[in-house]
N, C-alpha and C. Protein backbone atom coordinates (compact mmCIF):
# COMPACT_ATOMS: atom_id res chain seq x y z
N MET A 1 1.35 -52.10 41.17
CA MET A 1 0.69 -51.65 39.96
C MET A 1 1.15 -52.52 38.79
N PRO A 2 0.22 -53.14 38.07
CA PRO A 2 0.61 -54.02 36.97
C PRO A 2 1.20 -53.22 35.81
N THR A 3 2.19 -53.82 35.19
CA THR A 3 2.77 -53.18 34.02
C THR A 3 2.15 -53.78 32.77
N SER A 4 1.96 -52.96 31.78
CA SER A 4 1.40 -53.48 30.54
C SER A 4 2.53 -53.81 29.59
N GLU A 5 2.41 -54.94 28.96
CA GLU A 5 3.42 -55.36 27.99
C GLU A 5 2.89 -55.05 26.61
N PRO A 6 3.77 -54.64 25.69
CA PRO A 6 3.30 -54.35 24.33
C PRO A 6 2.74 -55.60 23.67
N ARG A 7 1.70 -55.42 22.91
CA ARG A 7 1.11 -56.54 22.18
C ARG A 7 1.93 -56.80 20.93
N THR A 8 2.01 -58.03 20.56
CA THR A 8 2.72 -58.39 19.34
C THR A 8 1.77 -59.13 18.42
N THR A 9 2.06 -59.06 17.15
CA THR A 9 1.27 -59.78 16.16
C THR A 9 1.87 -61.17 16.00
N GLU A 10 1.05 -62.17 16.17
CA GLU A 10 1.50 -63.55 16.00
C GLU A 10 1.64 -63.83 14.52
N VAL A 11 2.73 -64.43 14.14
CA VAL A 11 2.98 -64.79 12.75
C VAL A 11 3.26 -66.28 12.71
N ASP A 12 2.55 -66.98 11.84
CA ASP A 12 2.77 -68.41 11.67
C ASP A 12 4.07 -68.58 10.89
N ASP A 13 5.12 -69.05 11.56
CA ASP A 13 6.45 -69.10 10.96
C ASP A 13 6.93 -70.54 10.80
N HIS A 14 6.34 -71.26 9.83
CA HIS A 14 6.74 -72.64 9.57
C HIS A 14 7.86 -72.66 8.55
N ALA A 15 8.83 -73.49 8.76
CA ALA A 15 9.94 -73.60 7.83
C ALA A 15 9.43 -74.03 6.46
N GLY A 16 9.90 -73.34 5.43
CA GLY A 16 9.52 -73.72 4.07
C GLY A 16 8.24 -73.08 3.58
N THR A 17 7.55 -72.32 4.41
CA THR A 17 6.33 -71.64 3.98
C THR A 17 6.45 -70.16 4.31
N ALA A 18 5.82 -69.34 3.51
CA ALA A 18 5.83 -67.90 3.76
C ALA A 18 4.82 -67.57 4.86
N ALA A 19 5.26 -66.79 5.83
CA ALA A 19 4.36 -66.37 6.90
C ALA A 19 3.36 -65.36 6.35
N VAL A 20 2.09 -65.56 6.65
CA VAL A 20 1.04 -64.66 6.18
C VAL A 20 0.61 -63.80 7.35
N CYS A 21 0.38 -62.54 7.07
CA CYS A 21 -0.05 -61.58 8.08
C CYS A 21 -1.41 -61.99 8.64
N ALA A 22 -1.63 -61.75 9.92
CA ALA A 22 -2.92 -62.05 10.56
C ALA A 22 -4.00 -61.04 10.18
N ALA A 23 -3.61 -59.87 9.66
CA ALA A 23 -4.58 -58.82 9.34
C ALA A 23 -4.92 -58.73 7.85
N CYS A 24 -4.04 -59.24 7.00
CA CYS A 24 -4.27 -59.15 5.56
C CYS A 24 -3.73 -60.42 4.89
N PRO A 25 -4.03 -60.62 3.63
CA PRO A 25 -3.60 -61.85 2.96
C PRO A 25 -2.18 -61.83 2.41
N HIS A 26 -1.41 -60.81 2.73
CA HIS A 26 -0.07 -60.68 2.16
C HIS A 26 0.99 -61.34 3.03
N PRO A 27 2.07 -61.85 2.41
CA PRO A 27 3.17 -62.42 3.19
C PRO A 27 3.78 -61.36 4.11
N TRP A 28 4.09 -61.75 5.33
CA TRP A 28 4.60 -60.80 6.32
C TRP A 28 5.88 -60.11 5.87
N GLU A 29 6.78 -60.85 5.20
CA GLU A 29 8.05 -60.26 4.79
C GLU A 29 7.91 -59.21 3.69
N GLU A 30 6.76 -59.11 3.05
CA GLU A 30 6.54 -58.09 2.02
C GLU A 30 6.03 -56.76 2.60
N HIS A 31 5.77 -56.71 3.89
CA HIS A 31 5.29 -55.47 4.52
C HIS A 31 6.43 -54.46 4.66
N ASP A 32 6.15 -53.21 4.31
CA ASP A 32 7.10 -52.14 4.58
C ASP A 32 6.86 -51.68 6.03
N PRO A 33 7.67 -50.77 6.57
CA PRO A 33 7.50 -50.36 7.97
C PRO A 33 6.08 -49.83 8.29
N LEU A 34 5.48 -49.10 7.36
CA LEU A 34 4.11 -48.61 7.60
C LEU A 34 3.11 -49.75 7.61
N GLY A 35 3.28 -50.70 6.71
CA GLY A 35 2.40 -51.87 6.66
C GLY A 35 2.51 -52.71 7.92
N VAL A 36 3.73 -52.89 8.43
CA VAL A 36 3.93 -53.63 9.68
C VAL A 36 3.18 -52.96 10.81
N ARG A 37 3.34 -51.65 10.93
CA ARG A 37 2.68 -50.91 12.01
C ARG A 37 1.15 -50.96 11.87
N PHE A 38 0.66 -50.74 10.66
CA PHE A 38 -0.77 -50.74 10.39
C PHE A 38 -1.39 -52.10 10.69
N CYS A 39 -0.80 -53.17 10.16
CA CYS A 39 -1.35 -54.51 10.35
C CYS A 39 -1.23 -54.98 11.80
N ALA A 40 -0.14 -54.61 12.47
CA ALA A 40 0.00 -54.97 13.89
C ALA A 40 -1.07 -54.27 14.72
N ALA A 41 -1.33 -52.99 14.45
CA ALA A 41 -2.37 -52.26 15.18
C ALA A 41 -3.75 -52.81 14.85
N THR A 42 -3.98 -53.17 13.60
CA THR A 42 -5.26 -53.75 13.19
C THR A 42 -5.53 -55.04 13.95
N THR A 43 -4.52 -55.90 14.03
CA THR A 43 -4.66 -57.18 14.72
C THR A 43 -4.83 -56.98 16.23
N ALA A 44 -3.99 -56.14 16.81
CA ALA A 44 -4.03 -55.94 18.27
C ALA A 44 -5.35 -55.33 18.72
N SER A 45 -5.93 -54.47 17.90
CA SER A 45 -7.17 -53.79 18.29
C SER A 45 -8.41 -54.44 17.68
N ALA A 46 -8.23 -55.51 16.91
CA ALA A 46 -9.33 -56.21 16.23
C ALA A 46 -10.20 -55.23 15.44
N LEU A 47 -9.54 -54.39 14.65
CA LEU A 47 -10.24 -53.37 13.87
C LEU A 47 -10.70 -53.94 12.52
N PRO A 48 -11.90 -53.59 12.12
CA PRO A 48 -12.42 -54.06 10.82
C PRO A 48 -12.08 -53.06 9.72
N ARG A 49 -10.83 -53.04 9.29
CA ARG A 49 -10.45 -52.09 8.25
C ARG A 49 -9.68 -52.81 7.15
N GLY A 50 -9.61 -52.17 6.01
CA GLY A 50 -8.96 -52.77 4.86
C GLY A 50 -7.46 -52.73 4.93
N CYS A 51 -6.86 -53.22 3.89
CA CYS A 51 -5.41 -53.34 3.81
C CYS A 51 -4.80 -52.09 3.18
N ILE A 52 -3.59 -51.71 3.63
CA ILE A 52 -2.88 -50.61 2.99
C ILE A 52 -1.65 -51.11 2.25
N CYS A 53 -1.47 -52.41 2.23
CA CYS A 53 -0.30 -52.99 1.57
C CYS A 53 -0.44 -52.82 0.05
N GLY A 54 0.69 -52.71 -0.56
CA GLY A 54 0.66 -52.51 -2.01
C GLY A 54 1.36 -53.54 -2.78
C-alpha cells in the first residue's frame, strides 16, 4: 500500500533575495503561523482564493 507524503510549498530561496510565497505576493518570512498554513494549503490544492496576510 503506497504511503502518502505531505505536500510542501516550494519557496524560491536565493541568497540575497527575499523568498516570495507561491500563493500570495508577500515575502515568506512575513507570514504568521496562520498565513503559512493558509498559503501552503492554497498552493497544495491549487485553490483560487485571496490572501489573508496582513
